[in-house]
Amino acid sequence: MLNKAVKAGLGVALLAASTAASAAFIPYGPQNDVAVNTVTNTWGWSECYSSTYATPLGNSADAALANCSGDYLMLAARRTGSDVFEVLAAAGWDDVLTDTGAADNGVTHTANGAEWYYADNWSWGFAGLGDSVRKYQCDTAGGGERDRLCWHTFDWVGGYRAGSYTGLNSSTAWEKVILVANAMDVPAPATIALFGLGLAGLGLRRRAK
């Protein structure tokens, strides 16, 4: 027979594990050809902004993020009206918005398998892990690579890059999309570890009898 303390601890661990089963999925690194339904329904993300590439973000990300709230941000691009994202990547809110300088300095911020960059009045985007970028003002490096995305942060011009597609500043055939997710929806490693310890303790107790 299990004592009350073990039962209570196991119950909490099982509840946590059950909650984690429906947690949001945070993809590691840039992803290509992902269905929109997979991102919103299976992965648990919510779309909070979309516009064509021809629509300027403004001189910062503030206007685009006005209706966004969450701990994680995802930047994505798709053909207008498409149900598949050409390219996307996600990381913590602060990581995605880390200021890397308004200059063609090649500086990026590494987070969750991608190289992120952001600056007011310059550009915003990502590249694959370990990739170098040329921010002039949007990333023009790696011409045939699909793991890159770049939007201008200017009042007078929109986005520039969706994967290997470039020169999209005036394009209405492409959309830039921002999605959000919350940390409370993500399984905590500590919870998983406690659950494992609980099971291990249960096994040891049984063997001791």
N, C-alpha and C. Protein backbone atom coordinates (compact mmCIF):
# COMPACT_ATOMS: atom_id res chain seq x y z
N MET A 1 0.85 -1.20 0.00
CA MET A 1 0.00 0.00 0.00
C MET A 1 0.89 1.25 0.00
N LEU A 2 0.48 2.24 -0.77
CA LEU A 2 1.20 3.51 -0.82
C LEU A 2 0.73 4.39 0.31
N ASN A 3 1.65 5.10 0.98
CA ASN A 3 1.19 6.02 2.00
C ASN A 3 0.60 7.27 1.36
N LYS A 4 -0.05 8.13 2.16
CA LYS A 4 -0.78 9.28 1.64
C LYS A 4 0.15 10.28 0.96
N ALA A 5 1.36 10.46 1.52
CA ALA A 5 2.29 11.43 0.94
C ALA A 5 2.71 11.02 -0.46
N VAL A 6 3.01 9.71 -0.64
CA VAL A 6 3.41 9.23 -1.96
C VAL A 6 2.26 9.36 -2.95
N LYS A 7 1.04 9.00 -2.50
CA LYS A 7 -0.13 9.12 -3.36
C LYS A 7 -0.35 10.56 -3.79
N ALA A 8 -0.25 11.48 -2.84
CA ALA A 8 -0.48 12.89 -3.16
C ALA A 8 0.56 13.39 -4.14
N GLY A 9 1.85 13.04 -3.90
CA GLY A 9 2.91 13.48 -4.79
C GLY A 9 2.76 12.91 -6.17
N LEU A 10 2.39 11.64 -6.27
CA LEU A 10 2.20 11.01 -7.55
C LEU A 10 1.02 11.62 -8.29
N GLY A 11 -0.01 11.98 -7.54
CA GLY A 11 -1.19 12.61 -8.14
C GLY A 11 -0.85 13.94 -8.76
N VAL A 12 -0.07 14.75 -8.04
CA VAL A 12 0.35 16.05 -8.57
C VAL A 12 1.20 15.87 -9.81
N ALA A 13 2.14 14.89 -9.76
CA ALA A 13 3.01 14.66 -10.91
C ALA A 13 2.22 14.21 -12.12
N LEU A 14 1.24 13.33 -11.92
CA LEU A 14 0.43 12.87 -13.03
C LEU A 14 -0.41 13.99 -13.60
N LEU A 15 -0.91 14.86 -12.73
CA LEU A 15 -1.69 16.01 -13.20
C LEU A 15 -0.81 16.92 -14.04
N ALA A 16 0.42 17.16 -13.58
CA ALA A 16 1.34 18.00 -14.34
C ALA A 16 1.66 17.37 -15.68
N ALA A 17 1.87 16.05 -15.67
CA ALA A 17 2.18 15.37 -16.93
C ALA A 17 1.02 15.45 -17.89
N SER A 18 -0.20 15.36 -17.36
CA SER A 18 -1.39 15.46 -18.21
C SER A 18 -1.51 16.84 -18.82
N THR A 19 -1.22 17.88 -18.01
CA THR A 19 -1.27 19.24 -18.52
C THR A 19 -0.22 19.44 -19.60
N ALA A 20 0.98 18.87 -19.39
CA ALA A 20 2.06 19.04 -20.35
C ALA A 20 1.73 18.41 -21.70
N ALA A 21 0.88 17.38 -21.68
CA ALA A 21 0.55 16.69 -22.93
C ALA A 21 -0.16 17.61 -23.92
N SER A 22 -0.85 18.64 -23.40
CA SER A 22 -1.56 19.57 -24.27
C SER A 22 -0.84 20.91 -24.36
N ALA A 23 0.45 20.93 -23.99
CA ALA A 23 1.20 22.17 -23.96
C ALA A 23 1.54 22.65 -25.35
N ALA A 24 1.81 23.96 -25.44
CA ALA A 24 2.23 24.53 -26.72
C ALA A 24 3.59 23.95 -27.09
N PHE A 25 3.81 23.78 -28.38
CA PHE A 25 5.08 23.27 -28.89
C PHE A 25 5.90 24.44 -29.39
N ILE A 26 7.13 24.54 -28.92
CA ILE A 26 8.02 25.60 -29.34
C ILE A 26 9.02 25.00 -30.33
N PRO A 27 8.87 25.24 -31.63
CA PRO A 27 9.76 24.62 -32.61
C PRO A 27 11.19 25.13 -32.44
N TYR A 28 12.15 24.24 -32.62
CA TYR A 28 13.56 24.61 -32.48
C TYR A 28 14.13 24.95 -33.86
N GLY A 29 14.60 26.17 -33.98
CA GLY A 29 15.19 26.61 -35.23
C GLY A 29 14.16 26.92 -36.30
N PRO A 30 14.57 27.52 -37.40
CA PRO A 30 13.65 27.83 -38.50
C PRO A 30 13.02 26.57 -39.08
N GLN A 31 11.75 26.69 -39.46
CA GLN A 31 11.00 25.57 -40.04
C GLN A 31 10.42 26.01 -41.38
N ASN A 32 10.30 25.09 -42.31
CA ASN A 32 9.72 25.39 -43.62
C ASN A 32 8.51 24.50 -43.89
N ASP A 33 7.58 25.04 -44.68
CA ASP A 33 6.43 24.28 -45.18
C ASP A 33 5.59 23.67 -44.04
N VAL A 34 5.26 24.49 -43.05
CA VAL A 34 4.44 24.04 -41.93
C VAL A 34 3.02 24.54 -42.11
N ALA A 35 2.04 23.65 -42.01
CA ALA A 35 0.64 24.03 -42.16
C ALA A 35 0.22 25.00 -41.07
N VAL A 36 -0.57 26.00 -41.43
CA VAL A 36 -1.05 26.97 -40.46
C VAL A 36 -1.84 26.27 -39.35
N ASN A 37 -2.66 25.30 -39.70
CA ASN A 37 -3.44 24.56 -38.70
C ASN A 37 -2.54 23.82 -37.72
N THR A 38 -1.41 23.35 -38.18
CA THR A 38 -0.46 22.68 -37.28
C THR A 38 0.04 23.65 -36.23
N VAL A 39 0.36 24.86 -36.65
CA VAL A 39 0.89 25.87 -35.73
C VAL A 39 -0.18 26.32 -34.73
N THR A 40 -1.38 26.58 -35.21
CA THR A 40 -2.42 27.14 -34.34
C THR A 40 -3.18 26.07 -33.55
N ASN A 41 -3.46 24.95 -34.16
CA ASN A 41 -4.27 23.93 -33.49
C ASN A 41 -3.43 22.89 -32.75
N THR A 42 -2.40 22.37 -33.41
CA THR A 42 -1.58 21.33 -32.79
C THR A 42 -0.53 21.92 -31.86
N TRP A 43 0.16 22.95 -32.33
CA TRP A 43 1.21 23.54 -31.51
C TRP A 43 0.68 24.52 -30.48
N GLY A 44 -0.52 25.04 -30.65
CA GLY A 44 -1.13 25.91 -29.65
C GLY A 44 -0.76 27.37 -29.71
N TRP A 45 -0.37 27.88 -30.90
CA TRP A 45 -0.02 29.30 -31.04
C TRP A 45 -1.23 30.11 -31.49
N SER A 46 -1.22 31.41 -31.17
CA SER A 46 -2.31 32.31 -31.56
C SER A 46 -1.77 33.42 -32.46
N GLU A 47 -2.42 33.63 -33.58
CA GLU A 47 -2.02 34.69 -34.49
C GLU A 47 -2.48 36.03 -33.94
N CYS A 48 -1.58 37.00 -33.87
CA CYS A 48 -1.93 38.31 -33.32
C CYS A 48 -1.67 39.45 -34.30
N TYR A 49 -1.03 39.16 -35.42
CA TYR A 49 -0.77 40.21 -36.42
C TYR A 49 -0.53 39.56 -37.78
N SER A 50 -1.06 40.19 -38.81
CA SER A 50 -0.72 39.80 -40.18
C SER A 50 -0.94 40.98 -41.09
N SER A 51 -0.12 41.09 -42.11
CA SER A 51 -0.27 42.12 -43.14
C SER A 51 0.53 41.67 -44.35
N THR A 52 0.28 42.30 -45.48
CA THR A 52 1.07 41.95 -46.64
C THR A 52 2.48 42.52 -46.50
N TYR A 53 3.38 41.99 -47.26
CA TYR A 53 4.75 42.48 -47.24
C TYR A 53 4.82 43.94 -47.70
N ALA A 54 3.85 44.38 -48.45
CA ALA A 54 3.84 45.76 -48.93
C ALA A 54 3.50 46.75 -47.83
N THR A 55 2.94 46.28 -46.73
CA THR A 55 2.51 47.15 -45.64
C THR A 55 3.67 47.40 -44.68
N PRO A 56 4.08 48.66 -44.48
CA PRO A 56 5.18 48.95 -43.56
C PRO A 56 4.82 48.59 -42.12
N LEU A 57 5.80 48.10 -41.38
CA LEU A 57 5.61 47.85 -39.95
C LEU A 57 5.61 49.15 -39.16
N GLY A 58 6.18 50.19 -39.73
CA GLY A 58 6.44 51.41 -38.98
C GLY A 58 7.90 51.41 -38.57
N ASN A 59 8.29 52.41 -37.78
CA ASN A 59 9.72 52.53 -37.45
C ASN A 59 10.14 51.69 -36.26
N SER A 60 9.25 50.79 -35.79
CA SER A 60 9.58 49.84 -34.74
C SER A 60 8.58 48.69 -34.82
N ALA A 61 8.70 47.74 -33.91
CA ALA A 61 7.77 46.62 -33.87
C ALA A 61 6.53 46.92 -33.04
N ASP A 62 6.49 48.08 -32.39
CA ASP A 62 5.44 48.38 -31.43
C ASP A 62 4.03 48.27 -32.00
N ALA A 63 3.80 48.86 -33.17
CA ALA A 63 2.47 48.85 -33.75
C ALA A 63 2.03 47.43 -34.09
N ALA A 64 2.96 46.64 -34.65
CA ALA A 64 2.64 45.26 -35.02
C ALA A 64 2.34 44.41 -33.80
N LEU A 65 2.94 44.75 -32.65
CA LEU A 65 2.78 43.96 -31.43
C LEU A 65 1.68 44.49 -30.52
N ALA A 66 0.94 45.48 -30.98
CA ALA A 66 -0.08 46.12 -30.13
C ALA A 66 -1.13 45.13 -29.63
N ASN A 67 -1.48 44.14 -30.43
CA ASN A 67 -2.49 43.15 -30.03
C ASN A 67 -1.86 41.81 -29.65
N CYS A 68 -0.55 41.81 -29.44
CA CYS A 68 0.15 40.57 -29.10
C CYS A 68 0.51 40.55 -27.62
N SER A 69 0.31 39.42 -26.99
CA SER A 69 0.64 39.26 -25.59
C SER A 69 1.04 37.81 -25.34
N GLY A 70 2.24 37.59 -24.84
CA GLY A 70 2.69 36.24 -24.58
C GLY A 70 4.15 36.23 -24.19
N ASP A 71 4.64 35.07 -23.84
CA ASP A 71 6.04 34.92 -23.45
C ASP A 71 6.93 34.51 -24.61
N TYR A 72 6.32 33.93 -25.64
CA TYR A 72 7.05 33.51 -26.82
C TYR A 72 6.48 34.19 -28.05
N LEU A 73 7.38 34.57 -28.97
CA LEU A 73 6.98 35.17 -30.24
C LEU A 73 7.41 34.27 -31.40
N MET A 74 6.59 34.21 -32.42
CA MET A 74 6.93 33.51 -33.65
C MET A 74 6.77 34.47 -34.81
N LEU A 75 7.79 34.55 -35.67
CA LEU A 75 7.70 35.32 -36.91
C LEU A 75 7.56 34.33 -38.04
N ALA A 76 6.62 34.60 -38.94
CA ALA A 76 6.34 33.65 -40.03
C ALA A 76 5.99 34.39 -41.30
N ALA A 77 6.17 33.71 -42.43
CA ALA A 77 5.80 34.27 -43.73
C ALA A 77 5.05 33.21 -44.53
N ARG A 78 4.07 33.66 -45.29
CA ARG A 78 3.30 32.75 -46.15
C ARG A 78 2.83 33.53 -47.38
N ARG A 79 2.54 32.81 -48.42
CA ARG A 79 1.90 33.45 -49.56
C ARG A 79 0.51 33.91 -49.14
N THR A 80 0.06 35.03 -49.63
CA THR A 80 -1.22 35.60 -49.22
C THR A 80 -2.35 34.60 -49.43
N GLY A 81 -3.05 34.31 -48.35
CA GLY A 81 -4.17 33.37 -48.40
C GLY A 81 -3.78 31.92 -48.29
N SER A 82 -2.49 31.62 -48.21
CA SER A 82 -2.03 30.23 -48.15
C SER A 82 -2.30 29.64 -46.77
N ASP A 83 -2.47 28.31 -46.72
CA ASP A 83 -2.63 27.62 -45.44
C ASP A 83 -1.34 26.94 -45.02
N VAL A 84 -0.22 27.36 -45.62
CA VAL A 84 1.09 26.81 -45.28
C VAL A 84 2.08 27.96 -45.11
N PHE A 85 2.85 27.92 -44.01
CA PHE A 85 3.90 28.92 -43.81
C PHE A 85 5.15 28.51 -44.60
N GLU A 86 5.67 29.43 -45.37
CA GLU A 86 6.91 29.20 -46.11
C GLU A 86 8.07 29.01 -45.15
N VAL A 87 8.14 29.87 -44.13
CA VAL A 87 9.21 29.81 -43.14
C VAL A 87 8.71 30.41 -41.84
N LEU A 88 9.22 29.90 -40.72
CA LEU A 88 8.88 30.44 -39.41
C LEU A 88 9.98 30.10 -38.43
N ALA A 89 10.02 30.86 -37.34
CA ALA A 89 10.91 30.55 -36.22
C ALA A 89 10.33 31.21 -34.98
N ALA A 90 10.69 30.67 -33.81
CA ALA A 90 10.13 31.17 -32.56
C ALA A 90 11.20 31.19 -31.47
N ALA A 91 10.99 32.09 -30.51
CA ALA A 91 11.88 32.16 -29.34
C ALA A 91 11.17 33.02 -28.30
N GLY A 92 11.81 33.20 -27.15
CA GLY A 92 11.25 34.04 -26.12
C GLY A 92 11.05 35.47 -26.60
N TRP A 93 10.05 36.13 -26.04
CA TRP A 93 9.72 37.51 -26.45
C TRP A 93 10.96 38.39 -26.45
N ASP A 94 11.70 38.41 -25.35
CA ASP A 94 12.87 39.27 -25.25
C ASP A 94 13.96 38.87 -26.23
N ASP A 95 14.08 37.57 -26.52
CA ASP A 95 15.09 37.12 -27.48
C ASP A 95 14.78 37.63 -28.88
N VAL A 96 13.52 37.55 -29.27
CA VAL A 96 13.12 37.98 -30.62
C VAL A 96 13.29 39.48 -30.79
N LEU A 97 13.21 40.22 -29.69
CA LEU A 97 13.29 41.69 -29.75
C LEU A 97 14.62 42.24 -29.22
N THR A 98 15.60 41.39 -29.05
CA THR A 98 16.92 41.87 -28.61
C THR A 98 17.50 42.83 -29.65
N ASP A 99 17.88 44.02 -29.20
CA ASP A 99 18.43 45.03 -30.11
C ASP A 99 19.85 44.63 -30.52
N THR A 100 20.04 44.39 -31.80
CA THR A 100 21.36 44.00 -32.30
C THR A 100 22.04 45.12 -33.08
N GLY A 101 21.42 46.30 -33.08
CA GLY A 101 22.06 47.45 -33.70
C GLY A 101 21.55 47.80 -35.08
N ALA A 102 21.33 49.08 -35.30
CA ALA A 102 20.82 49.57 -36.59
C ALA A 102 21.99 49.87 -37.51
N ALA A 103 22.65 48.83 -37.94
CA ALA A 103 23.79 48.97 -38.86
C ALA A 103 24.04 47.62 -39.51
N ASP A 104 24.75 47.66 -40.63
CA ASP A 104 25.12 46.41 -41.30
C ASP A 104 26.33 45.82 -40.58
N ASN A 105 26.09 45.38 -39.33
CA ASN A 105 27.19 44.93 -38.48
C ASN A 105 27.29 43.41 -38.38
N GLY A 106 26.34 42.69 -38.95
CA GLY A 106 26.39 41.24 -38.90
C GLY A 106 26.10 40.66 -37.54
N VAL A 107 25.72 41.50 -36.57
CA VAL A 107 25.46 41.03 -35.21
C VAL A 107 24.10 40.35 -35.12
N THR A 108 24.05 39.19 -34.48
CA THR A 108 22.79 38.49 -34.24
C THR A 108 22.74 38.05 -32.78
N HIS A 109 21.55 37.65 -32.36
CA HIS A 109 21.33 37.13 -31.01
C HIS A 109 20.87 35.69 -31.15
N THR A 110 21.64 34.74 -30.63
CA THR A 110 21.33 33.33 -30.77
C THR A 110 20.32 32.90 -29.72
N ALA A 111 19.21 32.30 -30.17
CA ALA A 111 18.18 31.82 -29.25
C ALA A 111 17.34 30.74 -29.92
N ASN A 112 17.12 29.66 -29.25
CA ASN A 112 16.27 28.56 -29.70
C ASN A 112 16.56 28.13 -31.14
N GLY A 113 17.83 27.95 -31.44
CA GLY A 113 18.21 27.39 -32.73
C GLY A 113 18.17 28.33 -33.90
N ALA A 114 18.14 29.64 -33.65
CA ALA A 114 18.12 30.61 -34.74
C ALA A 114 18.97 31.82 -34.39
N GLU A 115 19.38 32.55 -35.42
CA GLU A 115 20.12 33.81 -35.24
C GLU A 115 19.14 34.95 -35.46
N TRP A 116 18.81 35.68 -34.37
CA TRP A 116 17.81 36.75 -34.42
C TRP A 116 18.48 38.11 -34.50
N TYR A 117 17.78 39.05 -35.11
CA TYR A 117 18.26 40.43 -35.12
C TYR A 117 17.06 41.38 -35.15
N TYR A 118 17.25 42.52 -34.54
CA TYR A 118 16.18 43.53 -34.49
C TYR A 118 16.78 44.91 -34.23
N ALA A 119 16.25 45.92 -34.88
CA ALA A 119 16.60 47.32 -34.59
C ALA A 119 15.52 48.22 -35.13
N ASP A 120 15.13 49.23 -34.35
CA ASP A 120 14.20 50.24 -34.84
C ASP A 120 14.80 50.94 -36.05
N ASN A 121 13.92 51.32 -36.98
CA ASN A 121 14.37 52.04 -38.18
C ASN A 121 15.44 51.27 -38.96
N TRP A 122 15.37 49.94 -38.91
CA TRP A 122 16.35 49.16 -39.66
C TRP A 122 15.70 47.86 -40.15
N SER A 123 15.82 46.77 -39.39
CA SER A 123 15.24 45.50 -39.84
C SER A 123 15.00 44.55 -38.68
N TRP A 124 14.24 43.48 -38.98
CA TRP A 124 13.83 42.50 -37.98
C TRP A 124 13.73 41.14 -38.67
N GLY A 125 14.39 40.14 -38.10
CA GLY A 125 14.30 38.84 -38.73
C GLY A 125 15.15 37.79 -38.07
N PHE A 126 15.40 36.72 -38.82
CA PHE A 126 16.20 35.61 -38.30
C PHE A 126 16.88 34.86 -39.44
N ALA A 127 17.87 34.06 -39.05
CA ALA A 127 18.55 33.15 -39.98
C ALA A 127 18.80 31.85 -39.23
N GLY A 128 19.28 30.85 -39.94
CA GLY A 128 19.54 29.56 -39.32
C GLY A 128 20.68 29.63 -38.32
N LEU A 129 20.69 28.68 -37.40
CA LEU A 129 21.71 28.64 -36.37
C LEU A 129 23.11 28.62 -36.97
N GLY A 130 23.94 29.57 -36.54
CA GLY A 130 25.32 29.65 -37.02
C GLY A 130 25.49 30.39 -38.34
N ASP A 131 24.39 30.78 -38.97
CA ASP A 131 24.49 31.51 -40.24
C ASP A 131 24.90 32.95 -40.01
N SER A 132 25.69 33.50 -40.91
CA SER A 132 26.03 34.91 -40.87
C SER A 132 24.99 35.68 -41.67
N VAL A 133 24.78 36.93 -41.31
CA VAL A 133 23.79 37.76 -42.00
C VAL A 133 24.44 39.04 -42.51
N ARG A 134 23.81 39.61 -43.52
CA ARG A 134 24.24 40.92 -44.03
C ARG A 134 23.02 41.83 -43.98
N LYS A 135 22.95 42.64 -42.94
CA LYS A 135 21.77 43.48 -42.70
C LYS A 135 21.91 44.81 -43.43
N TYR A 136 21.52 44.78 -44.71
CA TYR A 136 21.65 46.04 -45.46
C TYR A 136 20.38 46.29 -46.29
N GLN A 137 19.31 46.85 -45.72
CA GLN A 137 19.14 46.83 -44.28
C GLN A 137 18.63 45.44 -43.84
N CYS A 138 17.85 44.82 -44.72
CA CYS A 138 17.46 43.44 -44.49
C CYS A 138 18.59 42.50 -44.91
N ASP A 139 18.51 41.28 -44.43
CA ASP A 139 19.54 40.27 -44.68
C ASP A 139 19.57 39.87 -46.16
N THR A 140 20.70 40.12 -46.79
CA THR A 140 20.87 39.75 -48.20
C THR A 140 21.82 38.58 -48.38
N ALA A 141 22.27 37.97 -47.28
CA ALA A 141 23.19 36.83 -47.37
C ALA A 141 22.43 35.54 -47.66
N GLY A 142 23.18 34.50 -48.04
CA GLY A 142 22.58 33.18 -48.25
C GLY A 142 21.43 33.20 -49.23
N GLY A 143 21.67 33.67 -50.42
CA GLY A 143 20.60 33.90 -51.39
C GLY A 143 19.63 32.76 -51.62
N GLY A 144 20.10 31.51 -51.62
CA GLY A 144 19.20 30.39 -51.90
C GLY A 144 18.71 29.67 -50.66
N GLU A 145 19.01 30.20 -49.48
CA GLU A 145 18.66 29.52 -48.23
C GLU A 145 17.23 29.83 -47.79
N ARG A 146 16.52 28.81 -47.35
CA ARG A 146 15.11 28.96 -47.00
C ARG A 146 14.88 29.24 -45.51
N ASP A 147 15.95 29.23 -44.71
CA ASP A 147 15.77 29.39 -43.26
C ASP A 147 15.96 30.83 -42.80
N ARG A 148 15.66 31.79 -43.69
CA ARG A 148 15.84 33.20 -43.37
C ARG A 148 14.53 33.97 -43.58
N LEU A 149 14.36 35.03 -42.79
CA LEU A 149 13.21 35.92 -42.91
C LEU A 149 13.66 37.31 -42.52
N CYS A 150 13.19 38.33 -43.23
CA CYS A 150 13.54 39.70 -42.86
C CYS A 150 12.43 40.68 -43.24
N TRP A 151 12.09 41.54 -42.27
CA TRP A 151 11.14 42.63 -42.49
C TRP A 151 11.83 43.94 -42.15
N HIS A 152 11.53 44.98 -42.94
CA HIS A 152 12.04 46.31 -42.63
C HIS A 152 11.26 46.92 -41.46
N THR A 153 11.95 47.70 -40.65
CA THR A 153 11.26 48.52 -39.64
C THR A 153 11.43 49.98 -40.04
N PHE A 154 10.76 50.31 -41.14
CA PHE A 154 10.72 51.68 -41.66
C PHE A 154 9.27 52.08 -41.86
N ASP A 155 9.01 53.37 -41.89
CA ASP A 155 7.66 53.86 -42.13
C ASP A 155 7.24 53.74 -43.59
N TRP A 156 8.21 53.62 -44.48
CA TRP A 156 7.87 53.75 -45.90
C TRP A 156 8.07 52.46 -46.72
N VAL A 157 8.51 51.39 -46.11
CA VAL A 157 8.72 50.16 -46.87
C VAL A 157 8.37 48.97 -45.99
N GLY A 158 7.95 47.86 -46.62
CA GLY A 158 7.47 46.72 -45.86
C GLY A 158 8.51 45.63 -45.66
N GLY A 159 8.15 44.39 -46.00
CA GLY A 159 9.06 43.26 -45.79
C GLY A 159 9.95 43.06 -47.01
N TYR A 160 10.98 42.24 -46.83
CA TYR A 160 11.93 42.03 -47.92
C TYR A 160 12.12 40.55 -48.25
N ARG A 161 12.14 39.70 -47.22
CA ARG A 161 12.56 38.31 -47.45
C ARG A 161 11.63 37.31 -46.77
N ALA A 162 11.31 36.23 -47.51
CA ALA A 162 10.57 35.08 -46.97
C ALA A 162 11.29 33.83 -47.45
N GLY A 163 12.17 33.28 -46.63
CA GLY A 163 12.99 32.16 -47.05
C GLY A 163 13.95 32.58 -48.15
N SER A 164 13.90 31.89 -49.27
CA SER A 164 14.79 32.23 -50.39
C SER A 164 14.19 33.29 -51.31
N TYR A 165 12.97 33.71 -51.03
CA TYR A 165 12.32 34.75 -51.84
C TYR A 165 12.70 36.12 -51.30
N THR A 166 13.24 36.97 -52.15
CA THR A 166 13.70 38.28 -51.72
C THR A 166 13.09 39.37 -52.61
N GLY A 167 13.38 40.63 -52.25
CA GLY A 167 12.86 41.75 -53.03
C GLY A 167 11.36 41.90 -52.94
N LEU A 168 10.79 41.59 -51.76
CA LEU A 168 9.33 41.57 -51.59
C LEU A 168 8.79 42.86 -50.96
N ASN A 169 9.56 43.94 -51.01
CA ASN A 169 9.19 45.17 -50.32
C ASN A 169 7.82 45.72 -50.70
N SER A 170 7.40 45.53 -51.93
CA SER A 170 6.12 46.05 -52.39
C SER A 170 5.13 44.94 -52.73
N SER A 171 5.40 43.74 -52.24
CA SER A 171 4.59 42.59 -52.62
C SER A 171 3.31 42.45 -51.79
N THR A 172 2.20 42.28 -52.49
CA THR A 172 0.94 41.93 -51.82
C THR A 172 0.68 40.42 -51.94
N ALA A 173 1.59 39.72 -52.58
CA ALA A 173 1.45 38.28 -52.76
C ALA A 173 2.00 37.49 -51.58
N TRP A 174 2.63 38.20 -50.63
CA TRP A 174 3.18 37.56 -49.44
C TRP A 174 2.68 38.27 -48.18
N GLU A 175 2.53 37.48 -47.12
CA GLU A 175 2.08 38.02 -45.83
C GLU A 175 3.13 37.77 -44.75
N LYS A 176 3.30 38.76 -43.88
CA LYS A 176 4.10 38.58 -42.67
C LYS A 176 3.14 38.37 -41.50
N VAL A 177 3.47 37.40 -40.66
CA VAL A 177 2.56 36.98 -39.59
C VAL A 177 3.33 36.87 -38.28
N ILE A 178 2.70 37.34 -37.20
CA ILE A 178 3.27 37.19 -35.85
C ILE A 178 2.30 36.36 -35.02
N LEU A 179 2.84 35.40 -34.28
CA LEU A 179 2.03 34.55 -33.40
C LEU A 179 2.65 34.56 -32.01
N VAL A 180 1.83 34.22 -31.00
CA VAL A 180 2.29 34.23 -29.61
C VAL A 180 1.89 32.94 -28.90
N ALA A 181 2.64 32.64 -27.84
CA ALA A 181 2.32 31.52 -26.94
C ALA A 181 2.78 31.91 -25.55
N ASN A 182 2.21 31.29 -24.53
CA ASN A 182 2.54 31.63 -23.14
C ASN A 182 3.37 30.55 -22.48
N ALA A 183 4.25 30.98 -21.58
CA ALA A 183 5.13 30.04 -20.89
C ALA A 183 4.36 29.03 -20.06
N MET A 184 3.21 29.42 -19.51
CA MET A 184 2.45 28.50 -18.65
C MET A 184 1.90 27.33 -19.44
N ASP A 185 1.91 27.43 -20.78
CA ASP A 185 1.46 26.33 -21.61
C ASP A 185 2.58 25.37 -21.96
N VAL A 186 3.80 25.70 -21.53
CA VAL A 186 4.96 24.91 -21.90
C VAL A 186 5.37 24.03 -20.72
N PRO A 187 5.61 22.72 -20.90
CA PRO A 187 5.99 21.85 -19.79
C PRO A 187 7.32 22.27 -19.19
N ALA A 188 7.36 22.41 -17.87
CA ALA A 188 8.58 22.82 -17.19
C ALA A 188 9.50 21.63 -16.99
N PRO A 189 10.79 21.75 -17.31
CA PRO A 189 11.73 20.64 -17.11
C PRO A 189 11.76 20.16 -15.66
N ALA A 190 11.62 21.11 -14.71
CA ALA A 190 11.64 20.73 -13.29
C ALA A 190 10.47 19.81 -12.95
N THR A 191 9.31 20.10 -13.56
CA THR A 191 8.14 19.26 -13.31
C THR A 191 8.36 17.86 -13.83
N ILE A 192 8.93 17.76 -15.02
CA ILE A 192 9.21 16.45 -15.60
C ILE A 192 10.21 15.69 -14.74
N ALA A 193 11.22 16.40 -14.23
CA ALA A 193 12.23 15.76 -13.39
C ALA A 193 11.61 15.25 -12.09
N LEU A 194 10.74 16.06 -11.47
CA LEU A 194 10.07 15.64 -10.25
C LEU A 194 9.20 14.43 -10.48
N PHE A 195 8.53 14.42 -11.63
CA PHE A 195 7.70 13.28 -11.97
C PHE A 195 8.55 12.02 -12.08
N GLY A 196 9.72 12.14 -12.71
CA GLY A 196 10.62 11.00 -12.84
C GLY A 196 11.13 10.53 -11.50
N LEU A 197 11.46 11.49 -10.62
CA LEU A 197 11.92 11.12 -9.29
C LEU A 197 10.83 10.43 -8.49
N GLY A 198 9.60 10.89 -8.69
CA GLY A 198 8.47 10.28 -7.99
C GLY A 198 8.30 8.83 -8.39
N LEU A 199 8.42 8.56 -9.70
CA LEU A 199 8.30 7.19 -10.18
C LEU A 199 9.47 6.34 -9.70
N ALA A 200 10.66 6.94 -9.68
CA ALA A 200 11.83 6.20 -9.21
C ALA A 200 11.68 5.85 -7.74
N GLY A 201 11.19 6.82 -6.97
CA GLY A 201 10.97 6.58 -5.55
C GLY A 201 9.95 5.49 -5.32
N LEU A 202 8.91 5.47 -6.14
CA LEU A 202 7.89 4.45 -6.03
C LEU A 202 8.48 3.06 -6.30
N GLY A 203 9.36 3.00 -7.33
CA GLY A 203 9.99 1.74 -7.65
C GLY A 203 10.88 1.24 -6.53
N LEU A 204 11.64 2.16 -5.92
CA LEU A 204 12.51 1.77 -4.82
C LEU A 204 11.72 1.29 -3.63
N ARG A 205 10.59 1.93 -3.37
CA ARG A 205 9.75 1.56 -2.23
C ARG A 205 9.22 0.16 -2.43
N ARG A 206 8.80 -0.15 -3.67
CA ARG A 206 8.25 -1.46 -3.94
C ARG A 206 9.32 -2.55 -3.79
N ARG A 207 10.55 -2.26 -4.27
CA ARG A 207 11.61 -3.24 -4.18
C ARG A 207 12.04 -3.50 -2.75
N ALA A 208 11.87 -2.49 -1.88
CA ALA A 208 12.30 -2.61 -0.49
C ALA A 208 11.39 -3.52 0.31
N LYS A 209 10.18 -3.76 -0.18
CA LYS A 209 9.24 -4.60 0.57
C LYS A 209 9.61 -6.06 0.47
